[in-house]
């Protein structure tokens, strides 16, 4: 099962600002029904803002428009499961 059913949020400051700080979990960035990146974070809000600010050239180049999140206690395994289930993306070339 991919991410829990939810309305996607815009990948912009207001969308990211709607997330509470210090939530640990996984996230997916996408555009036009195509996954750009699946990631994990100890603080979802902080990590998404880093991406929005251009910390990853691949994500910046692919220009995601929306994101979804899932709060989980141990995000490592969940991130790998989601990448396997949803298929690889250009920006998830290396998963270890």
N, C-alpha and C. Protein backbone atom coordinates (compact mmCIF):
# COMPACT_ATOMS: atom_id res chain seq x y z
N UNK A 1 0.84 -1.18 0.00
CA UNK A 1 0.00 0.00 0.00
C UNK A 1 0.89 1.24 0.00
N UNK A 2 0.69 2.16 -0.96
CA UNK A 2 1.49 3.38 -0.97
C UNK A 2 1.13 4.30 0.19
N UNK A 3 1.33 5.57 0.03
CA UNK A 3 1.04 6.54 1.09
C UNK A 3 -0.43 6.45 1.50
N UNK A 4 -0.72 6.76 2.77
CA UNK A 4 -2.12 6.78 3.21
C UNK A 4 -2.92 7.78 2.36
N UNK A 5 -4.20 7.48 2.17
CA UNK A 5 -5.09 8.34 1.38
C UNK A 5 -5.08 9.74 1.98
N UNK A 6 -4.80 10.74 1.14
CA UNK A 6 -4.75 12.12 1.60
C UNK A 6 -4.78 13.04 0.39
N UNK A 7 -5.14 14.25 0.61
CA UNK A 7 -5.07 15.25 -0.46
C UNK A 7 -3.63 15.73 -0.56
N UNK A 8 -3.08 15.75 -1.76
CA UNK A 8 -1.71 16.25 -1.90
C UNK A 8 -1.64 17.73 -1.58
N UNK A 9 -0.47 18.14 -1.08
CA UNK A 9 -0.24 19.55 -0.76
C UNK A 9 0.68 20.15 -1.80
N UNK A 10 0.55 21.43 -2.04
CA UNK A 10 1.41 22.12 -2.98
C UNK A 10 2.84 22.16 -2.44
N UNK A 11 3.80 21.89 -3.32
CA UNK A 11 5.20 21.95 -2.94
C UNK A 11 5.66 23.40 -3.02
N UNK A 12 5.26 24.16 -1.99
CA UNK A 12 5.62 25.56 -1.87
C UNK A 12 5.62 25.90 -0.38
N UNK A 13 6.03 27.11 -0.03
CA UNK A 13 6.13 27.47 1.40
C UNK A 13 4.82 27.32 2.16
N UNK A 14 3.69 27.80 1.63
CA UNK A 14 2.44 27.61 2.37
C UNK A 14 2.08 26.12 2.56
N UNK A 15 2.27 25.31 1.52
CA UNK A 15 1.97 23.88 1.64
C UNK A 15 2.84 23.21 2.68
N UNK A 16 4.13 23.47 2.62
CA UNK A 16 5.06 22.88 3.58
C UNK A 16 4.83 23.44 4.98
N UNK A 17 4.47 24.72 5.05
CA UNK A 17 4.20 25.34 6.35
C UNK A 17 3.01 24.76 7.08
N UNK A 18 2.17 24.02 6.37
CA UNK A 18 1.00 23.40 7.02
C UNK A 18 1.38 22.15 7.82
N UNK A 19 2.62 21.70 7.71
CA UNK A 19 3.09 20.53 8.45
C UNK A 19 3.65 20.98 9.79
N UNK A 20 3.31 20.29 10.85
CA UNK A 20 3.87 20.60 12.16
C UNK A 20 5.36 20.26 12.19
N UNK A 21 6.12 21.01 12.94
CA UNK A 21 7.55 20.75 13.09
C UNK A 21 7.79 19.45 13.84
N UNK A 22 8.96 18.88 13.61
CA UNK A 22 9.46 17.70 14.34
C UNK A 22 8.63 16.43 14.13
N UNK A 23 8.00 16.30 12.97
CA UNK A 23 7.30 15.05 12.66
C UNK A 23 8.24 14.17 11.84
N UNK A 24 8.51 12.99 12.34
CA UNK A 24 9.38 12.02 11.67
C UNK A 24 8.53 11.20 10.71
N UNK A 25 9.07 10.94 9.51
CA UNK A 25 8.31 10.13 8.58
C UNK A 25 8.90 10.07 7.19
N UNK A 26 8.04 9.77 6.23
CA UNK A 26 8.43 9.65 4.83
C UNK A 26 7.60 10.63 4.01
N UNK A 27 8.11 10.95 2.81
CA UNK A 27 7.41 11.90 1.95
C UNK A 27 7.63 11.52 0.50
N UNK A 28 6.71 11.95 -0.34
CA UNK A 28 6.85 11.75 -1.76
C UNK A 28 6.62 13.06 -2.49
N UNK A 29 7.53 13.39 -3.39
CA UNK A 29 7.40 14.58 -4.23
C UNK A 29 6.97 14.13 -5.62
N UNK A 30 6.03 14.83 -6.25
CA UNK A 30 5.58 14.41 -7.56
C UNK A 30 5.10 15.58 -8.40
N UNK A 31 4.93 15.31 -9.68
CA UNK A 31 4.34 16.26 -10.62
C UNK A 31 3.61 15.46 -11.68
N UNK A 32 2.51 15.98 -12.15
CA UNK A 32 1.75 15.37 -13.25
C UNK A 32 1.66 13.84 -13.14
N UNK A 33 1.28 13.36 -11.98
CA UNK A 33 1.10 11.92 -11.72
C UNK A 33 2.38 11.11 -11.88
N UNK A 34 3.54 11.72 -11.76
CA UNK A 34 4.81 11.01 -11.82
C UNK A 34 5.62 11.32 -10.55
N UNK A 35 6.11 10.29 -9.90
CA UNK A 35 6.92 10.47 -8.70
C UNK A 35 8.28 11.03 -9.08
N UNK A 36 8.70 12.06 -8.38
CA UNK A 36 10.01 12.67 -8.57
C UNK A 36 10.99 12.13 -7.54
N UNK A 37 10.55 12.01 -6.29
CA UNK A 37 11.45 11.58 -5.22
C UNK A 37 10.65 11.06 -4.05
N UNK A 38 11.15 9.99 -3.44
CA UNK A 38 10.60 9.44 -2.19
C UNK A 38 11.72 9.58 -1.17
N UNK A 39 11.42 10.16 -0.01
CA UNK A 39 12.46 10.36 0.99
C UNK A 39 11.95 10.15 2.40
N UNK A 40 12.88 10.29 3.34
CA UNK A 40 12.57 10.15 4.77
C UNK A 40 13.18 11.32 5.51
N UNK A 41 12.67 11.60 6.70
CA UNK A 41 13.20 12.72 7.47
C UNK A 41 12.86 12.58 8.94
N UNK A 42 13.75 13.11 9.78
CA UNK A 42 13.46 13.22 11.21
C UNK A 42 12.56 14.41 11.48
N UNK A 43 12.54 15.37 10.56
CA UNK A 43 11.66 16.53 10.63
C UNK A 43 11.18 16.81 9.21
N UNK A 44 9.98 16.32 8.89
CA UNK A 44 9.44 16.43 7.53
C UNK A 44 9.41 17.87 7.03
N UNK A 45 8.95 18.77 7.86
CA UNK A 45 8.83 20.17 7.45
C UNK A 45 10.21 20.74 7.08
N UNK A 46 11.19 20.53 7.94
CA UNK A 46 12.54 21.04 7.69
C UNK A 46 13.12 20.46 6.41
N UNK A 47 12.96 19.15 6.21
CA UNK A 47 13.56 18.50 5.04
C UNK A 47 12.90 18.98 3.74
N UNK A 48 11.59 19.11 3.75
CA UNK A 48 10.90 19.60 2.55
C UNK A 48 11.30 21.03 2.22
N UNK A 49 11.50 21.85 3.24
CA UNK A 49 11.97 23.22 3.00
C UNK A 49 13.38 23.21 2.40
N UNK A 50 14.23 22.29 2.85
CA UNK A 50 15.57 22.18 2.27
C UNK A 50 15.48 21.85 0.78
N UNK A 51 14.60 20.92 0.44
CA UNK A 51 14.40 20.59 -0.98
C UNK A 51 13.87 21.79 -1.75
N UNK A 52 12.90 22.48 -1.18
CA UNK A 52 12.33 23.65 -1.84
C UNK A 52 13.40 24.72 -2.09
N UNK A 53 14.35 24.82 -1.16
CA UNK A 53 15.42 25.80 -1.28
C UNK A 53 16.55 25.34 -2.20
N UNK A 54 16.41 24.17 -2.83
CA UNK A 54 17.36 23.75 -3.84
C UNK A 54 18.52 22.91 -3.38
N UNK A 55 18.39 22.17 -2.28
CA UNK A 55 19.52 21.38 -1.78
C UNK A 55 19.87 20.18 -2.66
N UNK A 56 18.96 19.73 -3.49
CA UNK A 56 19.20 18.57 -4.35
C UNK A 56 18.98 18.98 -5.81
N UNK A 57 20.05 19.01 -6.61
CA UNK A 57 19.92 19.46 -8.00
C UNK A 57 18.91 18.64 -8.82
N UNK A 58 18.82 17.34 -8.57
CA UNK A 58 17.88 16.51 -9.33
C UNK A 58 16.44 16.92 -9.03
N UNK A 59 16.12 17.10 -7.75
CA UNK A 59 14.76 17.51 -7.37
C UNK A 59 14.46 18.88 -7.96
N UNK A 60 15.40 19.80 -7.86
CA UNK A 60 15.20 21.14 -8.42
C UNK A 60 14.95 21.07 -9.92
N UNK A 61 15.73 20.27 -10.63
CA UNK A 61 15.59 20.14 -12.08
C UNK A 61 14.24 19.53 -12.46
N UNK A 62 13.75 18.57 -11.69
CA UNK A 62 12.48 17.90 -11.99
C UNK A 62 11.25 18.72 -11.61
N UNK A 63 11.42 19.75 -10.81
CA UNK A 63 10.35 20.69 -10.43
C UNK A 63 9.06 20.03 -9.95
N UNK A 64 9.10 19.32 -8.82
CA UNK A 64 7.86 18.75 -8.31
C UNK A 64 6.85 19.85 -7.96
N UNK A 65 5.59 19.53 -8.09
CA UNK A 65 4.54 20.51 -7.81
C UNK A 65 3.76 20.21 -6.52
N UNK A 66 3.79 18.94 -6.09
CA UNK A 66 3.02 18.53 -4.91
C UNK A 66 3.79 17.51 -4.08
N UNK A 67 3.30 17.28 -2.87
CA UNK A 67 3.90 16.27 -2.00
C UNK A 67 2.84 15.64 -1.12
N UNK A 68 3.18 14.46 -0.62
CA UNK A 68 2.38 13.76 0.38
C UNK A 68 3.34 13.29 1.46
N UNK A 69 2.82 13.04 2.66
CA UNK A 69 3.65 12.59 3.77
C UNK A 69 2.97 11.47 4.53
N UNK A 70 3.76 10.79 5.33
CA UNK A 70 3.25 9.78 6.24
C UNK A 70 4.14 9.81 7.48
N UNK A 71 3.55 10.07 8.64
CA UNK A 71 4.30 10.10 9.89
C UNK A 71 4.47 8.66 10.36
N UNK A 72 5.74 8.25 10.52
CA UNK A 72 6.06 6.90 10.98
C UNK A 72 7.22 6.98 11.96
N UNK A 73 7.27 6.05 12.90
CA UNK A 73 8.31 6.05 13.92
C UNK A 73 9.68 5.65 13.37
N UNK A 74 9.70 4.70 12.42
CA UNK A 74 10.96 4.21 11.86
C UNK A 74 10.86 4.35 10.34
N UNK A 75 11.32 5.49 9.81
CA UNK A 75 11.11 5.76 8.39
C UNK A 75 12.01 4.99 7.41
N UNK A 76 13.13 4.43 7.86
CA UNK A 76 14.06 3.76 6.94
C UNK A 76 13.39 2.67 6.11
N UNK A 77 12.78 1.73 6.78
CA UNK A 77 12.15 0.61 6.08
C UNK A 77 10.96 1.08 5.24
N UNK A 78 10.22 2.04 5.75
CA UNK A 78 9.06 2.56 5.01
C UNK A 78 9.50 3.26 3.72
N UNK A 79 10.59 4.00 3.78
CA UNK A 79 11.11 4.66 2.58
C UNK A 79 11.47 3.61 1.52
N UNK A 80 12.19 2.59 1.90
CA UNK A 80 12.59 1.54 0.95
C UNK A 80 11.37 0.83 0.37
N UNK A 81 10.38 0.54 1.22
CA UNK A 81 9.16 -0.13 0.76
C UNK A 81 8.44 0.73 -0.27
N UNK A 82 8.32 2.02 0.00
CA UNK A 82 7.62 2.91 -0.92
C UNK A 82 8.35 3.02 -2.26
N UNK A 83 9.67 3.12 -2.22
CA UNK A 83 10.42 3.20 -3.47
C UNK A 83 10.23 1.92 -4.28
N UNK A 84 10.27 0.77 -3.60
CA UNK A 84 10.07 -0.50 -4.29
C UNK A 84 8.66 -0.58 -4.87
N UNK A 85 7.66 -0.19 -4.08
CA UNK A 85 6.27 -0.31 -4.51
C UNK A 85 5.89 0.70 -5.60
N UNK A 86 6.37 1.93 -5.47
CA UNK A 86 5.97 2.99 -6.41
C UNK A 86 6.87 3.04 -7.63
N UNK A 87 7.99 2.35 -7.58
CA UNK A 87 8.91 2.34 -8.71
C UNK A 87 9.99 3.37 -8.53
N UNK A 88 11.13 3.12 -9.13
CA UNK A 88 12.22 4.06 -9.00
C UNK A 88 11.91 5.38 -9.67
N UNK A 89 12.52 6.41 -9.20
CA UNK A 89 12.38 7.74 -9.79
C UNK A 89 13.77 8.19 -10.23
N UNK A 90 13.82 9.22 -11.04
CA UNK A 90 15.11 9.75 -11.47
C UNK A 90 15.94 10.19 -10.27
N UNK A 91 15.32 10.72 -9.28
CA UNK A 91 16.04 11.28 -8.14
C UNK A 91 16.28 10.28 -7.01
N UNK A 92 15.81 9.06 -7.14
CA UNK A 92 16.09 8.00 -6.17
C UNK A 92 17.03 6.98 -6.79
N UNK A 93 17.98 7.42 -7.56
CA UNK A 93 18.89 6.50 -8.25
C UNK A 93 19.69 5.64 -7.27
N UNK A 94 20.03 6.23 -6.11
CA UNK A 94 20.81 5.47 -5.12
C UNK A 94 20.01 5.35 -3.84
N UNK A 95 19.66 4.13 -3.50
CA UNK A 95 18.98 3.87 -2.24
C UNK A 95 19.77 2.79 -1.54
N UNK A 96 20.21 3.06 -0.30
CA UNK A 96 21.06 2.09 0.38
C UNK A 96 20.55 1.69 1.70
